[in-house]
Amino acid sequence: MIYSPNDVFCSSLAVTATGNATDIKDLGGDFDKGPGGDVKGVIIVIETAADYTSTNETYAFSLVTDDNTGLSSATTLSTTGTLNGNVVTAGSRHFLPLGNTNERYIGVTHTLGGTTPSVTYSAYFGFANEVLVGGVIYSSGLTS
């Protein structure tokens, strides 16, 4: 699958603290874009490689929406929930569904915990029928 720069929230973003991905997407309005909206079957793919040296690191990734680019009053659309570092291995993929209702801007946030959390990740749009081939959705992690 080939992605354009407009499809990517971040690419190989290395982080050691909680925050936002590098790019916020402007949907051009405050209306439905997800399931049942304009873009059916779209999900957000998070590809990771994380540190698990202290064995207590945790990571969570969320798709959020807001009426401003700073995401200062963001609403969570979907989240992986808290993932232990041992499942956020190099090349692992985690999926976030695009919500039914969205404000104008959407972004990806990361929440890190533990002694020495460190993760490098990429986040991008994908079509479920393409990216889920051979993929895994963790029953304990994916909520919408």
C-alpha atoms as a PDB file:
ATOM      1  CA  MET A   1       0.000   0.000   0.000  1.00  0.00           C
ATOM      2  CA  ILE A   2       1.396   3.420  -0.930  1.00  0.00           C
ATOM      3  CA  TYR A   3       0.601   6.371   1.312  1.00  0.00           C
ATOM      4  CA  SER A   4       0.747  10.042   0.529  1.00  0.00           C
ATOM      5  CA  PRO A   5       1.980  12.588   3.093  1.00  0.00           C
ATOM      6  CA  ASN A   6      -1.674  13.449   3.720  1.00  0.00           C
ATOM      7  CA  ASP A   7      -2.249   9.905   5.028  1.00  0.00           C
ATOM      8  CA  VAL A   8       0.431  10.052   7.744  1.00  0.00           C
ATOM      9  CA  PHE A   9       0.189  11.374  11.326  1.00  0.00           C
ATOM     10  CA  CYS A  10       3.849  10.601  12.015  1.00  0.00           C
ATOM     11  CA  SER A  11       6.665   8.507  10.586  1.00  0.00           C
ATOM     12  CA  SER A  12       9.314   6.910  12.824  1.00  0.00           C
ATOM     13  CA  LEU A  13       8.516   9.323  15.651  1.00  0.00           C
ATOM     14  CA  ALA A  14      10.763   8.562  18.646  1.00  0.00           C
ATOM     15  CA  VAL A  15       9.232   9.589  21.986  1.00  0.00           C
ATOM     16  CA  THR A  16       9.982   9.151  25.685  1.00  0.00           C
ATOM     17  CA  ALA A  17       7.045  11.097  27.147  1.00  0.00           C
ATOM     18  CA  THR A  18       3.298  11.434  26.688  1.00  0.00           C
ATOM     19  CA  GLY A  19       2.200  13.753  23.852  1.00  0.00           C
ATOM     20  CA  ASN A  20       0.795  14.089  20.335  1.00  0.00           C
ATOM     21  CA  ALA A  21       1.931  12.742  16.991  1.00  0.00           C
ATOM     22  CA  THR A  22       3.587  15.331  14.772  1.00  0.00           C
ATOM     23  CA  ASP A  23       0.729  15.937  12.341  1.00  0.00           C
ATOM     24  CA  ILE A  24      -2.901  16.904  12.937  1.00  0.00           C
ATOM     25  CA  LYS A  25      -5.388  16.264  10.104  1.00  0.00           C
ATOM     26  CA  ASP A  26      -7.970  18.854   9.044  1.00  0.00           C
ATOM     27  CA  LEU A  27     -11.162  17.104   7.932  1.00  0.00           C
ATOM     28  CA  GLY A  28     -12.526  20.420   6.658  1.00  0.00           C
ATOM     29  CA  GLY A  29     -15.595  20.442   8.867  1.00  0.00           C
ATOM     30  CA  ASP A  30     -17.355  19.179  11.950  1.00  0.00           C
ATOM     31  CA  PHE A  31     -19.190  16.140  10.626  1.00  0.00           C
ATOM     32  CA  ASP A  32     -19.190  12.350  10.224  1.00  0.00           C
ATOM     33  CA  LYS A  33     -16.212  10.862   8.419  1.00  0.00           C
ATOM     34  CA  GLY A  34     -15.940   7.381   9.901  1.00  0.00           C
ATOM     35  CA  PRO A  35     -18.147   4.279   9.640  1.00  0.00           C
ATOM     36  CA  GLY A  36     -21.348   5.260   7.898  1.00  0.00           C
ATOM     37  CA  GLY A  37     -19.814   8.618   6.928  1.00  0.00           C
ATOM     38  CA  ASP A  38     -17.725   9.660   3.947  1.00  0.00           C
ATOM     39  CA  VAL A  39     -14.841   7.196   4.367  1.00  0.00           C
ATOM     40  CA  LYS A  40     -16.057   3.690   5.129  1.00  0.00           C
ATOM     41  CA  GLY A  41     -13.556   1.046   6.230  1.00  0.00           C
ATOM     42  CA  VAL A  42     -10.808   3.498   7.225  1.00  0.00           C
ATOM     43  CA  ILE A  43      -8.736   2.738  10.293  1.00  0.00           C
ATOM     44  CA  ILE A  44      -5.619   4.246  11.819  1.00  0.00           C
ATOM     45  CA  VAL A  45      -2.601   1.930  11.887  1.00  0.00           C
ATOM     46  CA  ILE A  46       0.063   2.329  14.580  1.00  0.00           C
ATOM     47  CA  GLU A  47       3.357   0.519  13.817  1.00  0.00           C
ATOM     48  CA  THR A  48       5.696   0.350  16.810  1.00  0.00           C
ATOM     49  CA  ALA A  49       9.079  -0.580  18.224  1.00  0.00           C
ATOM     50  CA  ALA A  50       9.302  -0.018  21.984  1.00  0.00           C
ATOM     51  CA  ASP A  51      11.757  -0.321  24.852  1.00  0.00           C
ATOM     52  CA  TYR A  52      11.017  -3.018  27.414  1.00  0.00           C
ATOM     53  CA  THR A  53      14.261  -2.986  29.398  1.00  0.00           C
ATOM     54  CA  SER A  54      12.750  -2.265  32.820  1.00  0.00           C
ATOM     55  CA  THR A  55       9.857  -4.660  32.069  1.00  0.00           C
ATOM     56  CA  ASN A  56       7.302  -2.205  33.450  1.00  0.00           C
ATOM     57  CA  GLU A  57       6.914   0.121  30.441  1.00  0.00           C
ATOM     58  CA  THR A  58       3.385   0.687  29.164  1.00  0.00           C
ATOM     59  CA  TYR A  59       2.077   2.406  26.058  1.00  0.00           C
ATOM     60  CA  ALA A  60      -1.330   3.585  24.875  1.00  0.00           C
ATOM     61  CA  PHE A  61      -2.267   5.177  21.563  1.00  0.00           C
ATOM     62  CA  SER A  62      -5.484   7.108  20.960  1.00  0.00           C
ATOM     63  CA  LEU A  63      -7.251   8.728  18.036  1.00  0.00           C
ATOM     64  CA  VAL A  64      -8.645  12.067  19.183  1.00  0.00           C
ATOM     65  CA  THR A  65     -10.748  14.827  17.654  1.00  0.00           C
ATOM     66  CA  ASP A  66     -11.138  18.518  18.451  1.00  0.00           C
ATOM     67  CA  ASP A  67     -12.324  21.829  17.008  1.00  0.00           C
ATOM     68  CA  ASN A  68      -8.775  23.270  17.204  1.00  0.00           C
ATOM     69  CA  THR A  69      -5.351  22.207  15.922  1.00  0.00           C
ATOM     70  CA  GLY A  70      -3.854  22.234  19.420  1.00  0.00           C
ATOM     71  CA  LEU A  71      -6.228  19.444  20.484  1.00  0.00           C
ATOM     72  CA  SER A  72      -6.601  21.323  23.767  1.00  0.00           C
ATOM     73  CA  SER A  73     -10.097  19.969  24.495  1.00  0.00           C
ATOM     74  CA  ALA A  74      -9.888  16.728  22.532  1.00  0.00           C
ATOM     75  CA  THR A  75     -12.394  13.900  22.653  1.00  0.00           C
ATOM     76  CA  THR A  76     -11.082  10.340  22.348  1.00  0.00           C
ATOM     77  CA  LEU A  77     -12.587   8.462  19.399  1.00  0.00           C
ATOM     78  CA  SER A  78     -10.771   5.161  19.964  1.00  0.00           C
ATOM     79  CA  THR A  79      -7.839   3.818  21.949  1.00  0.00           C
ATOM     80  CA  THR A  80      -5.618   0.770  22.153  1.00  0.00           C
ATOM     81  CA  GLY A  81      -5.960   0.862  25.915  1.00  0.00           C
ATOM     82  CA  THR A  82      -2.804   0.339  27.963  1.00  0.00           C
ATOM     83  CA  LEU A  83      -0.404  -2.082  26.281  1.00  0.00           C
ATOM     84  CA  ASN A  84       2.514  -3.698  28.103  1.00  0.00           C
ATOM     85  CA  GLY A  85       5.860  -3.079  26.458  1.00  0.00           C
ATOM     86  CA  ASN A  86       6.266  -6.756  25.614  1.00  0.00           C
ATOM     87  CA  VAL A  87       3.410  -6.518  23.053  1.00  0.00           C
ATOM     88  CA  VAL A  88       4.668  -3.258  21.534  1.00  0.00           C
ATOM     89  CA  THR A  89       7.543  -5.046  19.810  1.00  0.00           C
ATOM     90  CA  ALA A  90       9.378  -4.002  16.668  1.00  0.00           C
ATOM     91  CA  GLY A  91       7.003  -4.175  13.726  1.00  0.00           C
ATOM     92  CA  SER A  92       3.866  -4.783  15.780  1.00  0.00           C
ATOM     93  CA  ARG A  93       0.724  -3.136  14.460  1.00  0.00           C
ATOM     94  CA  HIS A  94      -2.169  -1.790  16.508  1.00  0.00           C
ATOM     95  CA  PHE A  95      -5.414  -0.496  14.999  1.00  0.00           C
ATOM     96  CA  LEU A  96      -7.726   2.385  15.851  1.00  0.00           C
ATOM     97  CA  PRO A  97     -11.116   2.714  14.143  1.00  0.00           C
ATOM     98  CA  LEU A  98     -12.151   6.131  12.869  1.00  0.00           C
ATOM     99  CA  GLY A  99     -15.164   7.229  14.915  1.00  0.00           C
ATOM    100  CA  ASN A 100     -18.692   7.832  13.689  1.00  0.00           C
ATOM    101  CA  THR A 101     -18.641  11.516  14.587  1.00  0.00           C
ATOM    102  CA  ASN A 102     -15.633  13.767  14.368  1.00  0.00           C
ATOM    103  CA  GLU A 103     -14.871  17.389  14.956  1.00  0.00           C
ATOM    104  CA  ARG A 104     -12.841  19.265  12.365  1.00  0.00           C
ATOM    105  CA  TYR A 105      -9.360  18.057  13.437  1.00  0.00           C
ATOM    106  CA  ILE A 106      -8.121  14.580  14.296  1.00  0.00           C
ATOM    107  CA  GLY A 107      -4.793  13.461  15.711  1.00  0.00           C
ATOM    108  CA  VAL A 108      -3.006  10.594  17.405  1.00  0.00           C
ATOM    109  CA  THR A 109      -1.787  10.799  20.998  1.00  0.00           C
ATOM    110  CA  HIS A 110       0.610   8.527  22.867  1.00  0.00           C
ATOM    111  CA  THR A 111       0.644   7.891  26.612  1.00  0.00           C
ATOM    112  CA  LEU A 112       3.797   6.357  28.077  1.00  0.00           C
ATOM    113  CA  GLY A 113       4.288   4.891  31.534  1.00  0.00           C
ATOM    114  CA  GLY A 114       6.835   2.938  33.545  1.00  0.00           C
ATOM    115  CA  THR A 115      10.474   3.480  34.472  1.00  0.00           C
ATOM    116  CA  THR A 116      12.130   4.067  31.083  1.00  0.00           C
ATOM    117  CA  PRO A 117       9.443   4.186  28.377  1.00  0.00           C
ATOM    118  CA  SER A 118      10.672   4.778  24.858  1.00  0.00           C
ATOM    119  CA  VAL A 119       8.858   4.026  21.628  1.00  0.00           C
ATOM    120  CA  THR A 120       9.348   4.761  17.954  1.00  0.00           C
ATOM    121  CA  TYR A 121       6.123   4.629  16.002  1.00  0.00           C
ATOM    122  CA  SER A 122       4.431   5.536  12.757  1.00  0.00           C
ATOM    123  CA  ALA A 123       0.715   6.310  12.492  1.00  0.00           C
ATOM    124  CA  TYR A 124      -1.213   6.440   9.231  1.00  0.00           C
ATOM    125  CA  PHE A 125      -4.597   5.938   7.597  1.00  0.00           C
ATOM    126  CA  GLY A 126      -5.297   2.535   6.107  1.00  0.00           C
ATOM    127  CA  PHE A 127      -8.219   0.590   4.693  1.00  0.00           C
ATOM    128  CA  ALA A 128      -9.277  -2.260   6.963  1.00  0.00           C
ATOM    129  CA  ASN A 129      -9.583  -4.742   4.092  1.00  0.00           C
ATOM    130  CA  GLU A 130      -5.933  -4.096   3.156  1.00  0.00           C
ATOM    131  CA  VAL A 131      -4.085  -3.676   6.456  1.00  0.00           C
ATOM    132  CA  LEU A 132      -5.812  -6.393   8.478  1.00  0.00           C
ATOM    133  CA  VAL A 133      -4.579  -9.178   6.196  1.00  0.00           C
ATOM    134  CA  GLY A 134      -2.256 -11.076   8.510  1.00  0.00           C
ATOM    135  CA  GLY A 135      -2.756  -8.425  11.197  1.00  0.00           C
ATOM    136  CA  VAL A 136      -3.908  -8.757  14.770  1.00  0.00           C
ATOM    137  CA  ILE A 137      -6.467  -6.819  16.754  1.00  0.00           C
ATOM    138  CA  TYR A 138      -5.843  -7.393  20.432  1.00  0.00           C
ATOM    139  CA  SER A 139      -9.048  -8.342  22.208  1.00  0.00           C
ATOM    140  CA  SER A 140      -7.863  -6.685  25.409  1.00  0.00           C
ATOM    141  CA  GLY A 141      -6.643  -3.503  23.755  1.00  0.00           C
ATOM    142  CA  LEU A 142      -8.988  -2.203  21.094  1.00  0.00           C
ATOM    143  CA  THR A 143     -11.998  -0.171  22.157  1.00  0.00           C
ATOM    144  CA  SER A 144     -14.172   2.214  20.244  1.00  0.00           C
END
